[in-house]
Amino acid sequence: MKKANHICKYSKCTLGADGGRKEYYACDYCDRINAWKSVACCKEHYDLYIQEVLEARSAANKLPERLDKTEEEVKELYEKPVEQVLEETKEELSEYVVDGELNIEEAVNKVNEEISAKKTRKNRKGRN
């Protein structure tokens, strides 16, 4: 049986056997591709750890630059519970559901492919 070989980097992790940071297993491939599993014991703790890092790195604006939201709206987004944002995202991307399942990464990639294709068509029309 494999043994734990990582320690959760989220400073407030209490999922360990002693109530401290959890020890867990992640493979070398996870480390090599910088998967969340190489950093934290769960996706939620990875997200919280990244937030800690971003906050510690700078007082500079760490919010994403959005075309569709004001800075205040982006700040409000970060204050919403993750579960609520996930449900809203599922609704927004519902047309990309395949076999009753929504793979958010695949859906976002598909949206970006569609955007790129539309820009390419528009650029071609502009040259003719």
N, C-alpha and C. Protein backbone atom coordinates (compact mmCIF):
# COMPACT_ATOMS: atom_id res chain seq x y z
N MET A 1 0.85 -1.18 0.00
CA MET A 1 0.00 0.00 0.00
C MET A 1 0.89 1.25 0.00
N LYS A 2 0.51 2.23 -0.80
CA LYS A 2 1.26 3.49 -0.88
C LYS A 2 1.13 4.25 0.43
N LYS A 3 2.16 5.05 0.73
CA LYS A 3 2.16 5.87 1.93
C LYS A 3 2.01 7.33 1.56
N ALA A 4 1.56 8.12 2.52
CA ALA A 4 1.46 9.56 2.31
C ALA A 4 2.85 10.11 1.99
N ASN A 5 2.91 11.00 1.00
CA ASN A 5 4.20 11.58 0.62
C ASN A 5 4.13 13.10 0.45
N HIS A 6 3.01 13.69 0.78
CA HIS A 6 2.82 15.13 0.70
C HIS A 6 2.14 15.63 1.97
N ILE A 7 2.29 16.91 2.24
CA ILE A 7 1.59 17.56 3.35
C ILE A 7 0.83 18.74 2.75
N CYS A 8 -0.43 18.87 3.10
CA CYS A 8 -1.27 19.96 2.59
C CYS A 8 -0.61 21.30 2.91
N LYS A 9 -0.48 22.15 1.89
CA LYS A 9 0.18 23.44 2.07
C LYS A 9 -0.76 24.52 2.59
N TYR A 10 -2.08 24.25 2.62
CA TYR A 10 -3.02 25.23 3.14
C TYR A 10 -2.78 25.38 4.64
N SER A 11 -2.46 26.57 5.06
CA SER A 11 -2.04 26.80 6.45
C SER A 11 -3.10 26.47 7.49
N LYS A 12 -4.36 26.52 7.11
CA LYS A 12 -5.43 26.28 8.07
C LYS A 12 -6.04 24.88 7.93
N CYS A 13 -5.35 24.00 7.23
CA CYS A 13 -5.84 22.62 7.07
C CYS A 13 -5.88 21.95 8.44
N THR A 14 -7.01 21.35 8.75
CA THR A 14 -7.17 20.62 10.02
C THR A 14 -7.64 19.20 9.75
N LEU A 15 -7.42 18.72 8.54
CA LEU A 15 -7.91 17.40 8.16
C LEU A 15 -6.94 16.27 8.50
N GLY A 16 -5.78 16.61 9.05
CA GLY A 16 -4.80 15.60 9.44
C GLY A 16 -5.26 14.81 10.64
N ALA A 17 -4.62 13.67 10.87
CA ALA A 17 -4.99 12.78 11.98
C ALA A 17 -4.95 13.48 13.32
N ASP A 18 -4.04 14.41 13.49
CA ASP A 18 -3.91 15.13 14.76
C ASP A 18 -4.61 16.49 14.76
N GLY A 19 -5.42 16.72 13.74
CA GLY A 19 -6.11 18.01 13.62
C GLY A 19 -5.25 19.07 12.95
N GLY A 20 -4.07 18.68 12.50
CA GLY A 20 -3.19 19.60 11.79
C GLY A 20 -3.29 19.38 10.29
N ARG A 21 -2.25 19.79 9.58
CA ARG A 21 -2.25 19.65 8.13
C ARG A 21 -2.21 18.18 7.73
N LYS A 22 -3.05 17.83 6.78
CA LYS A 22 -3.20 16.44 6.37
C LYS A 22 -2.01 15.97 5.54
N GLU A 23 -1.59 14.73 5.81
CA GLU A 23 -0.61 14.05 4.99
C GLU A 23 -1.38 13.19 4.00
N TYR A 24 -0.96 13.19 2.74
CA TYR A 24 -1.70 12.48 1.70
C TYR A 24 -0.74 12.04 0.60
N TYR A 25 -1.23 11.21 -0.31
CA TYR A 25 -0.43 10.72 -1.42
C TYR A 25 -0.76 11.50 -2.69
N ALA A 26 0.27 11.85 -3.44
CA ALA A 26 0.12 12.37 -4.80
C ALA A 26 1.28 11.80 -5.61
N CYS A 27 1.04 11.49 -6.85
CA CYS A 27 2.07 10.87 -7.69
C CYS A 27 3.05 11.91 -8.25
N ASP A 28 4.17 11.42 -8.76
CA ASP A 28 5.17 12.30 -9.35
C ASP A 28 4.61 13.07 -10.54
N TYR A 29 3.72 12.42 -11.30
CA TYR A 29 3.12 13.11 -12.45
C TYR A 29 2.32 14.32 -11.99
N CYS A 30 1.60 14.17 -10.88
CA CYS A 30 0.85 15.31 -10.31
C CYS A 30 1.80 16.47 -10.02
N ASP A 31 2.96 16.15 -9.43
CA ASP A 31 3.95 17.19 -9.15
C ASP A 31 4.47 17.80 -10.44
N ARG A 32 4.79 16.96 -11.41
CA ARG A 32 5.40 17.43 -12.64
C ARG A 32 4.50 18.37 -13.43
N ILE A 33 3.20 18.09 -13.42
CA ILE A 33 2.27 18.95 -14.18
C ILE A 33 1.65 20.03 -13.31
N ASN A 34 2.12 20.13 -12.09
CA ASN A 34 1.60 21.12 -11.14
C ASN A 34 0.11 20.98 -10.90
N ALA A 35 -0.36 19.76 -10.78
CA ALA A 35 -1.77 19.51 -10.47
C ALA A 35 -2.07 19.96 -9.05
N TRP A 36 -3.32 20.27 -8.79
CA TRP A 36 -3.68 20.74 -7.45
C TRP A 36 -3.31 19.70 -6.40
N LYS A 37 -3.34 18.43 -6.79
CA LYS A 37 -3.03 17.35 -5.85
C LYS A 37 -1.61 17.41 -5.32
N SER A 38 -0.72 18.09 -6.04
CA SER A 38 0.66 18.18 -5.57
C SER A 38 0.83 19.25 -4.51
N VAL A 39 -0.22 20.04 -4.28
CA VAL A 39 -0.15 21.17 -3.35
C VAL A 39 -1.02 20.98 -2.12
N ALA A 40 -2.19 20.41 -2.30
CA ALA A 40 -3.15 20.35 -1.20
C ALA A 40 -3.90 19.03 -1.17
N CYS A 41 -4.47 18.73 -0.01
CA CYS A 41 -5.15 17.46 0.19
C CYS A 41 -6.50 17.39 -0.51
N CYS A 42 -7.07 18.54 -0.88
CA CYS A 42 -8.34 18.57 -1.59
C CYS A 42 -8.40 19.84 -2.43
N LYS A 43 -9.30 19.86 -3.39
CA LYS A 43 -9.41 21.01 -4.30
C LYS A 43 -9.75 22.28 -3.53
N GLU A 44 -10.61 22.19 -2.55
CA GLU A 44 -10.99 23.36 -1.76
C GLU A 44 -9.77 23.96 -1.06
N HIS A 45 -8.94 23.12 -0.48
CA HIS A 45 -7.74 23.62 0.21
C HIS A 45 -6.72 24.17 -0.78
N TYR A 46 -6.68 23.61 -1.98
CA TYR A 46 -5.81 24.16 -3.02
C TYR A 46 -6.25 25.59 -3.34
N ASP A 47 -7.54 25.77 -3.57
CA ASP A 47 -8.06 27.10 -3.88
C ASP A 47 -7.78 28.08 -2.74
N LEU A 48 -7.96 27.64 -1.51
CA LEU A 48 -7.70 28.50 -0.36
C LEU A 48 -6.21 28.81 -0.23
N TYR A 49 -5.36 27.83 -0.52
CA TYR A 49 -3.91 28.05 -0.47
C TYR A 49 -3.50 29.08 -1.52
N ILE A 50 -4.01 28.93 -2.73
CA ILE A 50 -3.68 29.88 -3.80
C ILE A 50 -4.13 31.28 -3.40
N GLN A 51 -5.29 31.37 -2.79
CA GLN A 51 -5.78 32.67 -2.32
C GLN A 51 -4.82 33.24 -1.28
N GLU A 52 -4.34 32.41 -0.37
CA GLU A 52 -3.36 32.85 0.63
C GLU A 52 -2.09 33.38 -0.05
N VAL A 53 -1.61 32.65 -1.03
CA VAL A 53 -0.39 33.04 -1.74
C VAL A 53 -0.59 34.37 -2.44
N LEU A 54 -1.71 34.50 -3.14
CA LEU A 54 -1.97 35.75 -3.86
C LEU A 54 -2.06 36.93 -2.91
N GLU A 55 -2.72 36.73 -1.79
CA GLU A 55 -2.85 37.81 -0.81
C GLU A 55 -1.50 38.18 -0.22
N ALA A 56 -0.65 37.18 0.00
CA ALA A 56 0.66 37.43 0.60
C ALA A 56 1.63 38.08 -0.38
N ARG A 57 1.48 37.82 -1.65
CA ARG A 57 2.43 38.30 -2.64
C ARG A 57 2.38 39.80 -2.87
N SER A 58 1.19 40.35 -2.85
CA SER A 58 1.14 41.77 -3.19
C SER A 58 -0.15 42.41 -2.72
N ALA A 59 -0.04 43.71 -2.65
CA ALA A 59 -1.23 44.51 -2.40
C ALA A 59 -1.81 44.95 -3.74
N ALA A 60 -1.12 44.55 -4.80
CA ALA A 60 -1.58 44.90 -6.15
C ALA A 60 -2.90 44.20 -6.44
N ASN A 61 -3.57 44.68 -7.44
CA ASN A 61 -4.86 44.11 -7.82
C ASN A 61 -4.66 42.68 -8.31
N LYS A 62 -5.20 41.73 -7.56
CA LYS A 62 -5.07 40.33 -7.92
C LYS A 62 -6.34 39.77 -8.55
N LEU A 63 -7.29 40.64 -8.82
CA LEU A 63 -8.54 40.21 -9.43
C LEU A 63 -8.36 40.02 -10.93
N PRO A 64 -9.09 39.09 -11.51
CA PRO A 64 -9.01 38.93 -12.96
C PRO A 64 -9.55 40.17 -13.66
N GLU A 65 -9.02 40.45 -14.83
CA GLU A 65 -9.50 41.58 -15.62
C GLU A 65 -10.64 41.07 -16.49
N ARG A 66 -11.85 41.54 -16.21
CA ARG A 66 -13.04 41.05 -16.90
C ARG A 66 -13.57 42.08 -17.87
N LEU A 67 -14.12 41.62 -18.97
CA LEU A 67 -14.74 42.49 -19.95
C LEU A 67 -16.22 42.70 -19.63
N ASP A 68 -16.80 41.77 -18.89
CA ASP A 68 -18.24 41.77 -18.65
C ASP A 68 -18.64 42.18 -17.24
N LYS A 69 -17.68 42.46 -16.37
CA LYS A 69 -18.00 42.83 -14.98
C LYS A 69 -17.11 43.98 -14.54
N THR A 70 -17.67 44.81 -13.67
CA THR A 70 -16.87 45.87 -13.06
C THR A 70 -15.99 45.25 -11.99
N GLU A 71 -15.01 45.99 -11.50
CA GLU A 71 -14.15 45.49 -10.43
C GLU A 71 -14.98 45.16 -9.20
N GLU A 72 -15.98 45.98 -8.92
CA GLU A 72 -16.85 45.74 -7.76
C GLU A 72 -17.63 44.43 -7.93
N GLU A 73 -18.12 44.17 -9.13
CA GLU A 73 -18.84 42.93 -9.39
C GLU A 73 -17.93 41.71 -9.24
N VAL A 74 -16.67 41.84 -9.64
CA VAL A 74 -15.72 40.75 -9.48
C VAL A 74 -15.46 40.50 -7.99
N LYS A 75 -15.33 41.57 -7.22
CA LYS A 75 -15.14 41.42 -5.77
C LYS A 75 -16.34 40.71 -5.15
N GLU A 76 -17.54 41.07 -5.59
CA GLU A 76 -18.75 40.42 -5.08
C GLU A 76 -18.76 38.93 -5.44
N LEU A 77 -18.26 38.60 -6.61
CA LEU A 77 -18.18 37.20 -7.03
C LEU A 77 -17.34 36.39 -6.05
N TYR A 78 -16.23 36.96 -5.61
CA TYR A 78 -15.33 36.26 -4.68
C TYR A 78 -15.93 36.14 -3.28
N GLU A 79 -16.95 36.91 -2.99
CA GLU A 79 -17.60 36.82 -1.68
C GLU A 79 -18.73 35.79 -1.66
N LYS A 80 -19.17 35.35 -2.84
CA LYS A 80 -20.23 34.34 -2.91
C LYS A 80 -19.68 32.97 -2.52
N PRO A 81 -20.52 32.12 -1.94
CA PRO A 81 -20.09 30.75 -1.65
C PRO A 81 -19.74 30.02 -2.96
N VAL A 82 -18.69 29.21 -2.92
CA VAL A 82 -18.23 28.49 -4.11
C VAL A 82 -19.36 27.64 -4.70
N GLU A 83 -20.16 27.01 -3.84
CA GLU A 83 -21.24 26.15 -4.31
C GLU A 83 -22.25 26.95 -5.14
N GLN A 84 -22.54 28.18 -4.71
CA GLN A 84 -23.48 29.03 -5.43
C GLN A 84 -22.91 29.40 -6.80
N VAL A 85 -21.64 29.75 -6.85
CA VAL A 85 -21.00 30.11 -8.12
C VAL A 85 -20.97 28.90 -9.04
N LEU A 86 -20.73 27.71 -8.49
CA LEU A 86 -20.73 26.49 -9.29
C LEU A 86 -22.09 26.26 -9.92
N GLU A 87 -23.16 26.40 -9.15
CA GLU A 87 -24.51 26.21 -9.69
C GLU A 87 -24.82 27.23 -10.77
N GLU A 88 -24.43 28.49 -10.56
CA GLU A 88 -24.65 29.53 -11.56
C GLU A 88 -23.86 29.22 -12.83
N THR A 89 -22.65 28.71 -12.67
CA THR A 89 -21.81 28.35 -13.82
C THR A 89 -22.43 27.19 -14.58
N LYS A 90 -22.97 26.21 -13.87
CA LYS A 90 -23.63 25.08 -14.52
C LYS A 90 -24.80 25.57 -15.37
N GLU A 91 -25.57 26.53 -14.85
CA GLU A 91 -26.68 27.09 -15.62
C GLU A 91 -26.15 27.81 -16.86
N GLU A 92 -25.11 28.62 -16.67
CA GLU A 92 -24.55 29.40 -17.77
C GLU A 92 -24.01 28.51 -18.89
N LEU A 93 -23.45 27.37 -18.52
CA LEU A 93 -22.84 26.47 -19.50
C LEU A 93 -23.71 25.25 -19.81
N SER A 94 -24.99 25.32 -19.51
CA SER A 94 -25.88 24.16 -19.65
C SER A 94 -25.95 23.62 -21.08
N GLU A 95 -25.72 24.46 -22.08
CA GLU A 95 -25.79 23.98 -23.46
C GLU A 95 -24.61 23.07 -23.82
N TYR A 96 -23.62 22.98 -22.93
CA TYR A 96 -22.44 22.16 -23.17
C TYR A 96 -22.47 20.84 -22.39
N VAL A 97 -23.61 20.51 -21.83
CA VAL A 97 -23.77 19.25 -21.10
C VAL A 97 -23.72 18.09 -22.10
N VAL A 98 -22.92 17.08 -21.78
CA VAL A 98 -22.80 15.90 -22.63
C VAL A 98 -23.14 14.68 -21.79
N ASP A 99 -24.08 13.88 -22.25
CA ASP A 99 -24.51 12.68 -21.53
C ASP A 99 -24.91 12.99 -20.10
N GLY A 100 -25.56 14.13 -19.89
CA GLY A 100 -26.05 14.50 -18.57
C GLY A 100 -24.98 15.04 -17.64
N GLU A 101 -23.76 15.18 -18.12
CA GLU A 101 -22.65 15.66 -17.28
C GLU A 101 -22.05 16.93 -17.86
N LEU A 102 -21.64 17.83 -16.98
CA LEU A 102 -20.96 19.04 -17.41
C LEU A 102 -19.51 18.97 -16.94
N ASN A 103 -18.60 18.91 -17.90
CA ASN A 103 -17.18 19.02 -17.60
C ASN A 103 -16.83 20.48 -17.83
N ILE A 104 -16.64 21.23 -16.75
CA ILE A 104 -16.45 22.68 -16.86
C ILE A 104 -15.23 23.01 -17.70
N GLU A 105 -14.13 22.31 -17.50
CA GLU A 105 -12.91 22.60 -18.27
C GLU A 105 -13.17 22.42 -19.77
N GLU A 106 -13.82 21.32 -20.15
CA GLU A 106 -14.12 21.07 -21.55
C GLU A 106 -15.09 22.11 -22.09
N ALA A 107 -16.08 22.49 -21.29
CA ALA A 107 -17.05 23.50 -21.73
C ALA A 107 -16.38 24.85 -21.96
N VAL A 108 -15.51 25.25 -21.04
CA VAL A 108 -14.80 26.53 -21.19
C VAL A 108 -13.90 26.48 -22.42
N ASN A 109 -13.22 25.36 -22.63
CA ASN A 109 -12.39 25.21 -23.82
C ASN A 109 -13.22 25.33 -25.09
N LYS A 110 -14.41 24.72 -25.10
CA LYS A 110 -15.30 24.78 -26.26
C LYS A 110 -15.75 26.22 -26.51
N VAL A 111 -16.11 26.94 -25.46
CA VAL A 111 -16.50 28.34 -25.61
C VAL A 111 -15.36 29.14 -26.23
N ASN A 112 -14.14 28.93 -25.74
CA ASN A 112 -12.99 29.66 -26.28
C ASN A 112 -12.70 29.28 -27.73
N GLU A 113 -12.90 28.01 -28.09
CA GLU A 113 -12.76 27.60 -29.49
C GLU A 113 -13.77 28.32 -30.36
N GLU A 114 -15.01 28.42 -29.88
CA GLU A 114 -16.06 29.12 -30.63
C GLU A 114 -15.73 30.59 -30.80
N ILE A 115 -15.22 31.21 -29.74
CA ILE A 115 -14.84 32.63 -29.81
C ILE A 115 -13.71 32.82 -30.82
N SER A 116 -12.70 31.96 -30.77
CA SER A 116 -11.58 32.05 -31.71
C SER A 116 -12.04 31.85 -33.15
N ALA A 117 -12.91 30.86 -33.36
CA ALA A 117 -13.41 30.60 -34.70
C ALA A 117 -14.20 31.79 -35.23
N LYS A 118 -14.99 32.41 -34.38
CA LYS A 118 -15.78 33.57 -34.79
C LYS A 118 -14.85 34.73 -35.17
N LYS A 119 -13.81 34.96 -34.37
CA LYS A 119 -12.85 36.04 -34.68
C LYS A 119 -12.12 35.76 -35.98
N THR A 120 -11.77 34.48 -36.21
CA THR A 120 -11.07 34.11 -37.44
C THR A 120 -11.96 34.37 -38.65
N ARG A 121 -13.23 33.97 -38.57
CA ARG A 121 -14.18 34.21 -39.67
C ARG A 121 -14.33 35.71 -39.92
N LYS A 122 -14.43 36.47 -38.85
CA LYS A 122 -14.60 37.92 -38.96
C LYS A 122 -13.37 38.55 -39.62
N ASN A 123 -12.18 38.10 -39.22
CA ASN A 123 -10.94 38.62 -39.81
C ASN A 123 -10.84 38.28 -41.29
N ARG A 124 -11.27 37.08 -41.67
CA ARG A 124 -11.24 36.68 -43.09
C ARG A 124 -12.18 37.53 -43.91
N LYS A 125 -13.37 37.81 -43.38
CA LYS A 125 -14.33 38.65 -44.09
C LYS A 125 -13.79 40.06 -44.28
N GLY A 126 -13.07 40.55 -43.28
CA GLY A 126 -12.51 41.90 -43.34
C GLY A 126 -11.43 42.05 -44.39
N ARG A 127 -10.75 40.95 -44.73
CA ARG A 127 -9.67 40.99 -45.73
C ARG A 127 -10.19 40.89 -47.15
N ASN A 128 -11.38 40.33 -47.31
CA ASN A 128 -11.92 40.12 -48.67
C ASN A 128 -12.61 41.34 -49.20
